[in-house]
Amino acid sequence: MSDDPKLNRAKGPQWQQTSDWDMVARKYPSLDTAILLGILFIAIVFRFHKITLPLVDGFSWREISTAMMADNFQQRSWNIFFPEVSWTGPGPSYQGREFQIVSYLTALLYQLFGWQDWFGRVVSAFFGLVTVFSLHRLTALCWGEMHAHAAALAYALMPAAIMIDSSFLPDPAMLALVTLGVWLFVRYWAGGSGWLLPLATLSFSLGVLSKLPGIAAGAVIFYLMVYWILEKKRKQASWVFLSGLLSLAIIGAYYIWAIYLGRSYPPFHIAGTGGYIWDDGFWTYVRDRFYFNSLWNTSVLWFYGYPFLVLLAVGLWMPRSPAEDPKQRVLSAIPYVWLAAATILYLAAAGEITSNVWNLHIFHVPIAMFCGHGALLLATLGSRTVLTPAVMLRSVFIVAIALAWSTLPLVRTMKKPIAMNGKLLGEELARLAQPGDLVVAIAPEVGDPVAVYYSRARGWVFPPGGGDAEWSKFVGDDATAIAQLEELRAQGADLFGVTKNATDKEGRLFVEHHVGVIDHLDKTATKLADLNNLLIYRITRP
């Protein structure tokens, strides 16, 4: 320590704790590596548990669309620029979607090993492990190895991260690639090899192409570039600026293409449109309090639970002591920059994000970092060193509380097979269908294409969806619904199936709300199945 007593007091216990850990790490150089491997093992256990679960959990709707695109890459066309779903008729059903990294890799697995609905979960889980590793190394650069261990463990155990990383979604690839890109760039900024800049640019660009919310992490790169400009390191800043322009040009070009594709083919659907502040209006957002009530309910009941929220609050409320080295002080601010950028993104897109909560995944890197910091503060409370039995005991207690009160119950809740009847309907349709048949199916949650997917055929959800059509609630009267059904009959629909618990977003059961539609089918179609949980008709031609 310094001879200056004031400086010693300013450094305080936290400096002592870090110093003790560094001395142990120098004595046992493989200790940090062993801990990282242990955290990765924990992440594997939680992400691969029940990895073969069908796509019937709380994210079923979005997962099924991703899975259908993987099917169509493997069965119809390998052109990655034409993602296609199977729930809008015989097709082509191209849609404006993010760059399909997860679905394309899954399609390659189908080609090599045959179709399994859980292969997409495996791909996502591997991207989740990349996030754990990249987050650990990024935190080590910002706050040191001890904080890196705590942040990576927090991410490995966070219910939201576990759920999203083990779901057939594009978001795990987004977070993994942007985190990897940011870490590589921070290494470059801190004096690493010049080759790190193009690698960082490539990884970050692919991450944002995978899902647009990843652009928020670019605030870290912009922040470090501005610091170089202020230091008059114009050459380095210029290279970063040019790399950023190239990245934005590629990202912009792809999403312009996605918008064009979505506007050019029925049902004229572009994913992720609507629900933004410029769509709904600023005062609508203010009146709805920026959907904070919905965000809070999601946070408490699904994504984090009280233990992780307490750790986050402690980590934010009690920042780390400022580093002496100016460069290290700049790096220490990275979690705040990332969190601030993600918050701005939320304020602009709260309606969309709270409707599709997996978009919150961009928050999980800074949240894990602050949760890890909060856990360290609580574990070392009143201790001048981390190497004491009391600190170890408190650490175990914090992890146990997080597991018992957050991780295990919330992951169990999110993975409940709420769409299982839709899967059963789809499998029954597959059993009854003839080659080339088109199906019309209504899952337990109206609009969810899960039954179409498991029928292994193409067809429609009902009411027909996509574009500006409202497809998560039934129309108001039987006459309109019958007209929609007759239009699908004219387009070639062969089978109609509905689960008896099919309910729209207004809580109306199909079998009660549309008794007239069922009567119409009894008169004009052939009933093939009337089971406890589903109805299936073969539609006869006019």
Protein backbone atom coordinates (compact mmCIF):
# COMPACT_ATOMS: atom_id res chain seq x y z
CA MET A 1 0.00 0.00 0.00
CA SER A 2 1.02 3.63 -0.46
CA ASP A 3 2.82 5.57 2.27
CA ASP A 4 0.07 8.20 2.09
CA PRO A 5 -2.44 7.36 4.89
CA LYS A 6 -5.22 9.35 3.17
CA LEU A 7 -4.76 7.30 0.00
CA ASN A 8 -4.83 4.11 2.04
CA ARG A 9 -8.12 5.12 3.65
CA ALA A 10 -9.58 6.05 0.26
CA LYS A 11 -8.77 2.63 -1.10
CA GLY A 12 -10.45 1.01 1.87
CA PRO A 13 -11.48 -2.62 2.37
CA GLN A 14 -12.35 -3.22 -1.27
CA TRP A 15 -8.76 -2.57 -2.34
CA GLN A 16 -7.56 -4.94 0.36
CA GLN A 17 -9.95 -7.65 -0.77
CA THR A 18 -8.79 -7.38 -4.37
CA SER A 19 -5.15 -7.34 -3.31
CA ASP A 20 -5.55 -10.53 -1.25
CA TRP A 21 -7.25 -12.30 -4.14
CA ASP A 22 -4.56 -11.17 -6.57
CA MET A 23 -1.85 -12.56 -4.30
CA VAL A 24 -3.61 -15.93 -4.11
CA ALA A 25 -4.16 -15.94 -7.89
CA ARG A 26 -0.46 -15.21 -8.48
CA LYS A 27 0.48 -18.10 -6.20
CA TYR A 28 -1.96 -20.45 -7.93
CA PRO A 29 -2.10 -19.16 -11.54
CA SER A 30 -4.62 -21.79 -12.61
CA LEU A 31 -7.14 -20.85 -9.88
CA ASP A 32 -9.00 -18.24 -11.96
CA THR A 33 -9.17 -20.63 -14.90
CA ALA A 34 -10.52 -23.41 -12.69
CA ILE A 35 -13.21 -21.11 -11.30
CA LEU A 36 -14.24 -20.00 -14.80
CA LEU A 37 -14.48 -23.63 -15.90
CA GLY A 38 -16.61 -24.36 -12.84
CA ILE A 39 -18.96 -21.50 -13.70
CA LEU A 40 -19.21 -22.72 -17.29
CA PHE A 41 -20.10 -26.17 -15.96
CA ILE A 42 -22.87 -24.65 -13.82
CA ALA A 43 -24.14 -22.77 -16.87
CA ILE A 44 -24.15 -26.00 -18.87
CA VAL A 45 -26.13 -27.83 -16.19
CA PHE A 46 -28.88 -25.21 -16.10
CA ARG A 47 -29.05 -24.57 -19.85
CA PHE A 48 -29.04 -28.21 -20.90
CA HIS A 49 -31.46 -29.41 -18.23
CA LYS A 50 -34.63 -30.55 -20.04
CA ILE A 51 -33.04 -29.48 -23.32
CA THR A 52 -35.32 -31.93 -25.16
CA LEU A 53 -38.48 -30.16 -23.95
CA PRO A 54 -40.85 -29.63 -26.92
CA LEU A 55 -41.46 -26.04 -28.00
CA VAL A 56 -44.49 -25.66 -25.74
CA ASP A 57 -43.20 -23.38 -22.96
CA GLY A 58 -43.94 -19.72 -22.26
CA PHE A 59 -42.02 -18.62 -25.38
CA SER A 60 -43.72 -21.15 -27.68
CA TRP A 61 -45.16 -18.64 -30.13
CA ARG A 62 -41.83 -17.01 -31.01
CA GLU A 63 -39.87 -20.26 -30.86
CA ILE A 64 -42.20 -21.94 -33.34
CA SER A 65 -41.71 -19.22 -35.95
CA THR A 66 -37.93 -19.60 -35.59
CA ALA A 67 -38.25 -23.38 -35.87
CA MET A 68 -40.38 -23.09 -39.01
CA MET A 69 -37.69 -20.98 -40.66
CA ALA A 70 -35.15 -23.69 -39.88
CA ASP A 71 -37.49 -26.27 -41.42
CA ASN A 72 -37.89 -24.24 -44.59
CA PHE A 73 -34.16 -23.66 -44.99
CA GLN A 74 -33.60 -27.40 -44.89
CA GLN A 75 -36.67 -28.46 -46.87
CA ARG A 76 -37.24 -25.67 -49.42
CA SER A 77 -34.28 -23.32 -49.88
CA TRP A 78 -30.90 -22.74 -48.24
CA ASN A 79 -30.92 -19.05 -49.18
CA ILE A 80 -30.48 -17.36 -45.78
CA PHE A 81 -31.81 -14.06 -47.12
CA PHE A 82 -35.30 -15.54 -47.61
CA PRO A 83 -36.55 -16.67 -44.18
CA GLU A 84 -39.92 -18.36 -44.48
CA VAL A 85 -42.58 -19.52 -42.02
CA SER A 86 -45.26 -22.16 -42.60
CA TRP A 87 -48.33 -20.65 -40.94
CA THR A 88 -49.63 -18.46 -43.77
CA GLY A 89 -50.64 -21.05 -46.36
CA PRO A 90 -48.80 -22.88 -49.13
CA GLY A 91 -46.36 -20.02 -49.62
CA PRO A 92 -44.01 -18.61 -50.39
CA SER A 93 -44.34 -17.05 -46.94
CA TYR A 94 -41.20 -14.92 -46.76
CA GLN A 95 -41.11 -12.46 -43.89
CA GLY A 96 -39.04 -9.51 -42.79
CA ARG A 97 -36.91 -11.06 -40.05
CA GLU A 98 -33.54 -10.66 -38.39
CA PHE A 99 -30.54 -12.46 -39.93
CA GLN A 100 -31.23 -16.14 -39.27
CA ILE A 101 -28.06 -17.42 -37.58
CA VAL A 102 -29.72 -19.68 -34.99
CA SER A 103 -32.32 -21.13 -37.37
CA TYR A 104 -29.73 -21.66 -40.13
CA LEU A 105 -27.32 -23.51 -37.84
CA THR A 106 -30.26 -25.61 -36.64
CA ALA A 107 -31.20 -26.42 -40.23
CA LEU A 108 -27.64 -27.68 -40.76
CA LEU A 109 -28.09 -29.98 -37.75
CA TYR A 110 -31.35 -31.26 -39.30
CA GLN A 111 -29.48 -31.99 -42.50
CA LEU A 112 -26.74 -33.90 -40.69
CA PHE A 113 -28.69 -35.74 -37.98
CA GLY A 114 -32.37 -35.61 -38.92
CA TRP A 115 -35.17 -33.49 -37.51
CA GLN A 116 -35.47 -33.01 -33.75
CA ASP A 117 -37.51 -30.12 -32.38
CA TRP A 118 -34.98 -29.48 -29.60
CA PHE A 119 -31.92 -28.96 -31.82
CA GLY A 120 -32.64 -25.22 -31.82
CA ARG A 121 -32.44 -25.19 -28.03
CA VAL A 122 -28.99 -26.80 -28.24
CA VAL A 123 -27.72 -24.12 -30.63
CA SER A 124 -29.04 -21.37 -28.36
CA ALA A 125 -27.50 -22.99 -25.28
CA PHE A 126 -24.06 -23.04 -26.89
CA PHE A 127 -24.41 -19.33 -27.66
CA GLY A 128 -25.34 -18.86 -24.00
CA LEU A 129 -22.01 -20.40 -22.98
CA VAL A 130 -20.20 -17.97 -25.27
CA THR A 131 -21.96 -15.16 -23.40
CA VAL A 132 -20.84 -16.53 -20.02
CA PHE A 133 -17.22 -16.67 -21.19
CA SER A 134 -17.23 -13.26 -22.91
CA LEU A 135 -18.99 -11.61 -19.97
CA HIS A 136 -16.37 -13.06 -17.61
CA ARG A 137 -13.46 -11.75 -19.65
CA LEU A 138 -15.09 -8.35 -20.22
CA THR A 139 -15.78 -7.94 -16.49
CA ALA A 140 -12.18 -8.93 -15.71
CA LEU A 141 -10.96 -6.06 -17.88
CA CYS A 142 -13.39 -3.61 -16.27
CA TRP A 143 -13.43 -4.62 -12.62
CA GLY A 144 -10.94 -7.46 -12.09
CA GLU A 145 -10.99 -11.24 -11.87
CA MET A 146 -12.94 -11.54 -8.61
CA HIS A 147 -15.79 -9.45 -10.03
CA ALA A 148 -15.56 -11.47 -13.25
CA HIS A 149 -16.24 -14.67 -11.33
CA ALA A 150 -19.18 -13.11 -9.49
CA ALA A 151 -20.73 -11.60 -12.66
CA ALA A 152 -20.38 -14.80 -14.70
CA LEU A 153 -21.91 -16.86 -11.88
CA ALA A 154 -24.79 -14.38 -11.59
CA TYR A 155 -25.45 -14.73 -15.31
CA ALA A 156 -25.15 -18.53 -15.15
CA LEU A 157 -27.84 -18.65 -12.44
CA MET A 158 -30.12 -15.81 -13.58
CA PRO A 159 -33.56 -17.28 -14.43
CA ALA A 160 -34.12 -15.00 -17.43
CA ALA A 161 -30.72 -15.80 -18.91
CA ILE A 162 -31.24 -19.54 -18.41
CA MET A 163 -34.67 -19.45 -20.03
CA ILE A 164 -33.68 -17.37 -23.04
CA ASP A 165 -30.39 -19.22 -23.57
CA SER A 166 -32.26 -22.53 -23.69
CA SER A 167 -35.04 -21.35 -26.00
CA PHE A 168 -35.19 -21.57 -29.80
CA LEU A 169 -34.80 -17.81 -30.21
CA PRO A 170 -32.37 -15.48 -32.02
CA ASP A 171 -31.62 -13.56 -28.82
CA PRO A 172 -28.92 -15.90 -27.41
CA ALA A 173 -26.88 -15.45 -30.60
CA MET A 174 -27.40 -11.68 -30.42
CA LEU A 175 -26.12 -11.34 -26.87
CA ALA A 176 -23.27 -13.81 -27.32
CA LEU A 177 -21.92 -12.15 -30.44
CA VAL A 178 -22.25 -8.53 -29.29
CA THR A 179 -20.68 -9.37 -25.91
CA LEU A 180 -17.85 -11.18 -27.65
CA GLY A 181 -17.43 -8.21 -29.99
CA VAL A 182 -17.38 -5.68 -27.15
CA TRP A 183 -14.87 -7.75 -25.18
CA LEU A 184 -12.56 -8.08 -28.20
CA PHE A 185 -12.81 -4.35 -28.82
CA VAL A 186 -12.06 -3.49 -25.19
CA ARG A 187 -8.97 -5.72 -25.40
CA TYR A 188 -7.92 -3.86 -28.54
CA TRP A 189 -8.56 -0.48 -26.86
CA ALA A 190 -6.49 -1.54 -23.85
CA GLY A 191 -3.46 -2.24 -26.04
CA GLY A 192 -4.18 -5.55 -27.71
CA SER A 193 -3.30 -6.70 -31.22
CA GLY A 194 -4.58 -4.76 -34.21
CA TRP A 195 -6.29 -7.93 -35.47
CA LEU A 196 -8.76 -7.63 -32.61
CA LEU A 197 -10.53 -4.66 -34.27
CA PRO A 198 -11.76 -6.50 -37.41
CA LEU A 199 -12.68 -9.54 -35.31
CA ALA A 200 -14.62 -7.33 -32.91
CA THR A 201 -16.35 -5.58 -35.81
CA LEU A 202 -17.34 -8.89 -37.40
CA SER A 203 -18.66 -10.37 -34.16
CA PHE A 204 -20.56 -7.24 -33.13
CA SER A 205 -22.09 -6.85 -36.61
CA LEU A 206 -23.30 -10.44 -36.67
CA GLY A 207 -24.77 -9.96 -33.20
CA VAL A 208 -26.82 -6.93 -34.24
CA LEU A 209 -27.87 -8.69 -37.44
CA SER A 210 -29.09 -11.56 -35.25
CA LYS A 211 -31.35 -9.18 -33.32
CA LEU A 212 -31.49 -5.40 -33.61
CA PRO A 213 -31.56 -4.61 -29.83
CA GLY A 214 -27.90 -5.64 -29.79
CA ILE A 215 -27.12 -2.19 -31.23
CA ALA A 216 -27.34 -0.83 -27.66
CA ALA A 217 -24.03 -2.50 -26.79
CA GLY A 218 -22.39 -0.37 -29.48
CA ALA A 219 -22.57 2.53 -27.01
CA VAL A 220 -19.55 0.99 -25.26
CA ILE A 221 -17.49 1.12 -28.45
CA PHE A 222 -18.65 4.68 -29.15
CA TYR A 223 -17.76 5.72 -25.59
CA LEU A 224 -14.21 4.34 -25.86
CA MET A 225 -13.76 5.93 -29.30
CA VAL A 226 -14.77 9.33 -27.91
CA TYR A 227 -12.20 8.92 -25.12
CA TRP A 228 -9.51 8.33 -27.75
CA ILE A 229 -10.63 11.46 -29.58
CA LEU A 230 -10.38 13.49 -26.36
CA GLU A 231 -6.89 12.06 -25.86
CA LYS A 232 -6.07 13.18 -29.42
CA LYS A 233 -5.40 9.62 -30.52
CA ARG A 234 -6.95 10.44 -33.87
CA LYS A 235 -5.42 7.58 -35.85
CA GLN A 236 -6.84 4.89 -33.56
CA ALA A 237 -10.17 6.70 -33.34
CA SER A 238 -10.33 6.98 -37.12
CA TRP A 239 -9.92 3.23 -37.58
CA VAL A 240 -12.68 2.60 -35.05
CA PHE A 241 -14.91 5.17 -36.75
CA LEU A 242 -14.41 3.55 -40.16
CA SER A 243 -15.04 0.09 -38.73
CA GLY A 244 -18.22 1.39 -37.12
CA LEU A 245 -19.42 2.91 -40.40
CA LEU A 246 -18.80 -0.38 -42.19
CA SER A 247 -20.68 -2.27 -39.50
CA LEU A 248 -23.65 0.13 -39.61
CA ALA A 249 -23.72 -0.02 -43.41
CA ILE A 250 -23.93 -3.82 -43.40
CA ILE A 251 -26.55 -3.82 -40.64
CA GLY A 252 -28.59 -1.10 -42.32
CA ALA A 253 -28.46 -2.81 -45.72
CA TYR A 254 -29.71 -6.09 -44.31
CA TYR A 255 -32.63 -4.57 -42.39
CA ILE A 256 -33.63 -2.51 -45.44
CA TRP A 257 -33.75 -5.80 -47.33
CA ALA A 258 -35.79 -7.41 -44.52
CA ILE A 259 -38.34 -4.58 -44.67
CA TYR A 260 -38.55 -4.90 -48.44
CA LEU A 261 -39.03 -8.68 -48.18
CA GLY A 262 -41.76 -8.31 -45.57
CA ARG A 263 -43.62 -5.78 -47.69
CA SER A 264 -43.37 -7.80 -50.89
CA TYR A 265 -44.87 -11.17 -49.96
CA PRO A 266 -48.14 -12.16 -48.26
CA PRO A 267 -48.98 -11.88 -45.43
CA PHE A 268 -46.76 -8.77 -45.53
CA HIS A 269 -45.35 -9.37 -42.07
CA ILE A 270 -42.27 -7.63 -40.64
CA ALA A 271 -41.26 -8.92 -37.21
CA GLY A 272 -40.86 -6.44 -34.41
CA THR A 273 -42.93 -3.62 -35.89
CA GLY A 274 -45.31 -1.62 -33.72
CA GLY A 275 -45.28 -0.74 -30.05
CA TYR A 276 -42.61 1.97 -30.27
CA ILE A 277 -42.86 5.46 -28.87
CA TRP A 278 -43.12 6.97 -32.37
CA ASP A 279 -45.97 4.58 -33.19
CA ASP A 280 -48.04 4.99 -30.03
CA GLY A 281 -47.08 8.58 -29.25
CA PHE A 282 -45.08 10.05 -26.38
CA TRP A 283 -48.12 10.90 -24.27
CA THR A 284 -49.49 7.38 -24.65
CA TYR A 285 -46.21 6.11 -23.22
CA VAL A 286 -46.45 8.64 -20.40
CA ARG A 287 -50.03 7.64 -19.66
CA ASP A 288 -48.99 3.99 -19.57
CA ARG A 289 -45.97 4.94 -17.40
CA PHE A 290 -43.62 3.44 -19.97
CA TYR A 291 -45.04 0.01 -19.15
CA PHE A 292 -43.07 -0.10 -15.90
CA ASN A 293 -45.84 -2.05 -14.18
CA SER A 294 -45.57 -4.78 -16.81
CA LEU A 295 -41.77 -4.68 -16.56
CA TRP A 296 -41.91 -5.02 -12.77
CA ASN A 297 -44.29 -7.99 -12.94
CA THR A 298 -42.08 -9.70 -15.51
CA SER A 299 -39.00 -9.03 -13.38
CA VAL A 300 -40.48 -10.37 -10.15
CA LEU A 301 -42.63 -13.24 -11.40
CA TRP A 302 -40.55 -14.51 -14.32
CA PHE A 303 -37.14 -13.13 -15.01
CA TYR A 304 -35.22 -12.34 -11.82
CA GLY A 305 -37.16 -12.70 -8.57
CA TYR A 306 -36.45 -10.69 -5.44
CA PRO A 307 -32.94 -12.08 -4.70
CA PHE A 308 -31.46 -10.96 -8.01
CA LEU A 309 -33.31 -7.64 -7.86
CA VAL A 310 -31.83 -7.01 -4.39
CA LEU A 311 -28.33 -7.85 -5.65
CA LEU A 312 -28.86 -5.52 -8.60
CA ALA A 313 -30.04 -2.69 -6.34
CA VAL A 314 -27.05 -3.12 -4.00
CA GLY A 315 -24.61 -3.26 -6.91
CA LEU A 316 -26.02 -0.07 -8.43
CA TRP A 317 -26.39 1.79 -5.13
CA MET A 318 -22.82 1.17 -3.96
CA PRO A 319 -20.38 1.70 -6.85
CA ARG A 320 -16.81 0.47 -6.77
CA SER A 321 -14.07 2.76 -5.52
CA PRO A 322 -12.50 4.78 -8.38
CA ALA A 323 -9.34 3.26 -9.79
CA GLU A 324 -6.09 5.22 -9.64
CA ASP A 325 -5.15 4.57 -13.27
CA PRO A 326 -7.11 6.88 -15.66
CA LYS A 327 -7.44 4.16 -18.29
CA GLN A 328 -8.84 1.76 -15.71
CA ARG A 329 -11.37 4.39 -14.59
CA VAL A 330 -12.58 4.59 -18.18
CA LEU A 331 -12.96 0.81 -18.36
CA SER A 332 -14.76 0.74 -15.00
CA ALA A 333 -17.59 2.81 -16.49
CA ILE A 334 -18.40 0.29 -19.24
CA PRO A 335 -21.21 -1.50 -17.33
CA TYR A 336 -22.90 1.86 -16.69
CA VAL A 337 -22.60 2.86 -20.35
CA TRP A 338 -24.11 -0.45 -21.51
CA LEU A 339 -26.94 -0.23 -18.96
CA ALA A 340 -27.71 3.39 -19.87
CA ALA A 341 -27.85 2.57 -23.60
CA ALA A 342 -30.14 -0.41 -22.99
CA THR A 343 -32.39 1.79 -20.83
CA ILE A 344 -32.68 4.37 -23.63
CA LEU A 345 -33.60 1.53 -25.98
CA TYR A 346 -36.28 0.41 -23.54
CA LEU A 347 -37.75 3.91 -23.19
CA ALA A 348 -38.11 4.10 -26.98
CA ALA A 349 -39.52 0.58 -27.44
CA ALA A 350 -41.19 -0.30 -24.13
CA GLY A 351 -44.42 -1.46 -25.77
CA GLU A 352 -42.64 -3.91 -28.06
CA ILE A 353 -40.16 -5.07 -25.41
CA THR A 354 -42.74 -5.79 -22.72
CA SER A 355 -44.91 -7.63 -25.25
CA ASN A 356 -41.94 -9.79 -26.32
CA VAL A 357 -39.96 -9.99 -23.10
CA TRP A 358 -37.00 -11.91 -24.54
CA ASN A 359 -35.93 -8.53 -25.97
CA LEU A 360 -34.80 -7.68 -22.42
CA HIS A 361 -31.84 -10.03 -23.01
CA ILE A 362 -29.65 -7.08 -24.01
CA PHE A 363 -29.85 -5.92 -20.36
CA HIS A 364 -28.46 -9.14 -18.94
CA VAL A 365 -24.75 -8.44 -19.35
CA PRO A 366 -24.76 -5.24 -17.22
CA ILE A 367 -27.39 -6.69 -14.86
CA ALA A 368 -25.14 -9.71 -14.23
CA MET A 369 -22.16 -7.42 -13.63
CA PHE A 370 -24.04 -5.34 -11.07
CA CYS A 371 -25.57 -8.40 -9.45
CA GLY A 372 -22.08 -9.87 -9.10
CA HIS A 373 -20.82 -6.62 -7.57
CA GLY A 374 -23.77 -6.55 -5.17
CA ALA A 375 -23.13 -10.15 -4.14
CA LEU A 376 -19.48 -9.37 -3.42
CA LEU A 377 -20.42 -6.35 -1.34
CA LEU A 378 -22.83 -8.40 0.78
CA ALA A 379 -20.47 -11.35 1.09
CA THR A 380 -17.51 -9.23 2.22
CA LEU A 381 -19.51 -6.90 4.44
CA GLY A 382 -17.30 -5.89 7.38
CA SER A 383 -14.39 -8.05 6.17
CA ARG A 384 -11.03 -6.78 4.99
CA THR A 385 -10.29 -9.93 3.04
CA VAL A 386 -12.27 -12.42 1.00
CA LEU A 387 -10.28 -15.32 2.35
CA THR A 388 -12.19 -15.87 5.59
CA PRO A 389 -14.73 -18.53 6.61
CA ALA A 390 -17.36 -15.83 7.25
CA VAL A 391 -17.08 -14.50 3.69
CA MET A 392 -17.21 -17.99 2.24
CA LEU A 393 -20.27 -18.85 4.34
CA ARG A 394 -22.07 -15.67 3.31
CA SER A 395 -21.24 -16.37 -0.33
CA VAL A 396 -22.73 -19.85 -0.12
CA PHE A 397 -25.81 -18.40 1.62
CA ILE A 398 -26.31 -15.78 -1.14
CA VAL A 399 -26.05 -18.44 -3.86
CA ALA A 400 -28.43 -20.75 -1.98
CA ILE A 401 -31.03 -17.97 -1.57
CA ALA A 402 -30.76 -17.09 -5.27
CA LEU A 403 -31.20 -20.72 -6.27
CA ALA A 404 -34.08 -21.48 -3.92
CA TRP A 405 -36.03 -18.24 -4.31
CA SER A 406 -35.26 -17.26 -7.90
CA THR A 407 -33.50 -19.71 -10.21
CA LEU A 408 -35.29 -22.98 -9.54
CA PRO A 409 -38.90 -21.78 -9.09
CA LEU A 410 -38.86 -19.16 -11.87
CA VAL A 411 -37.23 -21.39 -14.48
CA ARG A 412 -39.76 -24.10 -13.58
CA THR A 413 -42.56 -21.55 -14.08
CA MET A 414 -41.27 -20.36 -17.45
CA LYS A 415 -40.79 -23.90 -18.73
CA LYS A 416 -44.31 -25.08 -17.93
CA PRO A 417 -45.68 -26.84 -21.05
CA ILE A 418 -48.58 -24.43 -21.48
CA ALA A 419 -48.95 -25.19 -25.21
CA MET A 420 -48.90 -28.99 -24.88
CA ASN A 421 -52.46 -29.36 -26.19
CA GLY A 422 -51.37 -27.46 -29.30
CA LYS A 423 -48.56 -29.97 -29.83
CA LEU A 424 -50.98 -32.87 -29.35
CA LEU A 425 -53.34 -31.29 -31.88
CA GLY A 426 -50.50 -30.95 -34.35
CA GLU A 427 -49.44 -34.56 -33.91
CA GLU A 428 -53.02 -35.74 -34.42
CA LEU A 429 -53.24 -33.62 -37.57
CA ALA A 430 -49.98 -35.19 -38.76
CA ARG A 431 -51.47 -38.66 -38.19
CA LEU A 432 -54.60 -37.85 -40.18
CA ALA A 433 -53.07 -35.74 -42.95
CA GLN A 434 -52.32 -36.97 -46.43
CA PRO A 435 -49.21 -35.83 -48.34
CA GLY A 436 -49.59 -32.22 -49.44
CA ASP A 437 -52.52 -31.44 -47.14
CA LEU A 438 -52.86 -27.89 -45.82
CA VAL A 439 -54.08 -27.45 -42.25
CA VAL A 440 -55.95 -24.78 -40.31
CA ALA A 441 -55.23 -24.97 -36.59
CA ILE A 442 -56.13 -23.11 -33.41
CA ALA A 443 -53.77 -23.67 -30.47
CA PRO A 444 -54.56 -23.04 -26.79
CA GLU A 445 -53.23 -19.49 -27.22
CA VAL A 446 -54.90 -18.10 -30.31
CA GLY A 447 -52.33 -17.11 -32.92
CA ASP A 448 -49.66 -19.54 -31.69
CA PRO A 449 -48.62 -21.64 -34.73
CA VAL A 450 -47.51 -24.59 -32.55
CA ALA A 451 -50.17 -26.95 -33.94
CA VAL A 452 -49.24 -26.13 -37.54
CA TYR A 453 -45.58 -26.79 -36.72
CA TYR A 454 -46.16 -30.18 -35.12
CA SER A 455 -48.50 -31.22 -37.93
CA ARG A 456 -45.33 -31.16 -40.10
CA ALA A 457 -47.46 -29.54 -42.81
CA ARG A 458 -48.06 -26.04 -44.02
CA GLY A 459 -51.24 -24.13 -43.34
CA TRP A 460 -52.79 -21.29 -41.40
CA VAL A 461 -53.45 -20.19 -37.87
CA PHE A 462 -57.03 -19.11 -37.31
CA PRO A 463 -58.04 -16.33 -37.51
CA PRO A 464 -55.53 -15.91 -40.38
CA GLY A 465 -52.61 -13.80 -39.19
CA GLY A 466 -49.78 -11.61 -40.33
CA GLY A 467 -49.50 -8.08 -41.61
CA ASP A 468 -51.97 -5.69 -40.00
CA ALA A 469 -54.53 -8.42 -39.23
CA GLU A 470 -55.46 -9.01 -35.60
CA TRP A 471 -54.82 -12.69 -35.07
CA SER A 472 -54.67 -13.12 -31.31
CA LYS A 473 -58.39 -12.69 -30.80
CA PHE A 474 -61.50 -14.10 -32.43
CA VAL A 475 -63.69 -11.99 -34.66
CA GLY A 476 -66.90 -10.71 -33.13
CA ASP A 477 -69.47 -12.89 -34.92
CA ASP A 478 -69.83 -16.33 -36.49
CA ALA A 479 -70.66 -15.00 -39.95
CA THR A 480 -67.27 -13.27 -40.29
CA ALA A 481 -65.42 -16.33 -38.96
CA ILE A 482 -67.30 -18.63 -41.39
CA ALA A 483 -66.41 -16.29 -44.26
CA GLN A 484 -62.72 -16.48 -43.24
CA LEU A 485 -62.92 -20.27 -43.09
CA GLU A 486 -64.56 -20.45 -46.51
CA GLU A 487 -61.81 -18.27 -47.96
CA LEU A 488 -59.20 -20.69 -46.59
CA ARG A 489 -61.19 -23.59 -48.06
CA ALA A 490 -61.00 -21.85 -51.45
CA GLN A 491 -57.22 -21.51 -51.04
CA GLY A 492 -56.87 -25.25 -50.50
CA ALA A 493 -57.27 -25.92 -46.78
CA ASP A 494 -57.79 -29.65 -46.14
CA LEU A 495 -57.93 -30.10 -42.35
CA PHE A 496 -59.32 -27.95 -39.57
CA GLY A 497 -58.28 -28.56 -35.97
CA VAL A 498 -58.90 -26.74 -32.70
CA THR A 499 -58.01 -27.47 -29.09
CA LYS A 500 -61.02 -27.30 -26.82
CA ASN A 501 -59.16 -24.92 -24.49
CA ALA A 502 -58.28 -22.50 -27.33
CA THR A 503 -58.68 -19.02 -25.82
CA ASP A 504 -58.07 -15.62 -27.36
CA LYS A 505 -56.44 -12.67 -25.60
CA GLU A 506 -59.85 -11.49 -24.39
CA GLY A 507 -60.44 -14.79 -22.61
CA ARG A 508 -63.05 -16.19 -25.03
CA LEU A 509 -63.12 -19.96 -25.66
CA PHE A 510 -63.49 -20.91 -29.32
CA VAL A 511 -65.92 -23.75 -28.57
CA GLU A 512 -68.19 -21.29 -26.71
CA HIS A 513 -67.69 -18.10 -28.72
CA HIS A 514 -67.93 -19.73 -32.15
CA VAL A 515 -70.63 -22.36 -31.72
CA GLY A 516 -71.94 -21.31 -35.14
CA VAL A 517 -68.60 -22.13 -36.77
CA ILE A 518 -68.65 -25.61 -35.29
CA ASP A 519 -72.24 -26.09 -36.53
CA HIS A 520 -71.10 -24.96 -39.98
CA LEU A 521 -68.28 -27.51 -39.95
CA ASP A 522 -70.65 -30.26 -38.82
CA LYS A 523 -72.75 -29.54 -41.91
CA THR A 524 -70.02 -28.95 -44.51
CA ALA A 525 -67.02 -31.02 -43.35
CA THR A 526 -66.27 -34.54 -42.09
CA LYS A 527 -65.48 -34.90 -38.40
CA LEU A 528 -62.35 -37.03 -37.98
CA ALA A 529 -61.69 -36.66 -34.25
CA ASP A 530 -63.66 -35.45 -31.25
CA LEU A 531 -61.46 -36.09 -28.21
CA ASN A 532 -61.42 -34.66 -24.72
CA ASN A 533 -59.00 -31.93 -25.74
CA LEU A 534 -59.43 -31.37 -29.50
CA LEU A 535 -61.66 -31.39 -32.58
CA ILE A 536 -60.53 -32.19 -36.14
CA TYR A 537 -62.50 -31.96 -39.38
CA ARG A 538 -61.62 -32.81 -42.96
CA ILE A 539 -62.73 -29.93 -45.13
CA THR A 540 -64.62 -31.06 -48.20
CA ARG A 541 -64.42 -29.18 -51.47
CA PRO A 542 -67.41 -27.01 -52.56
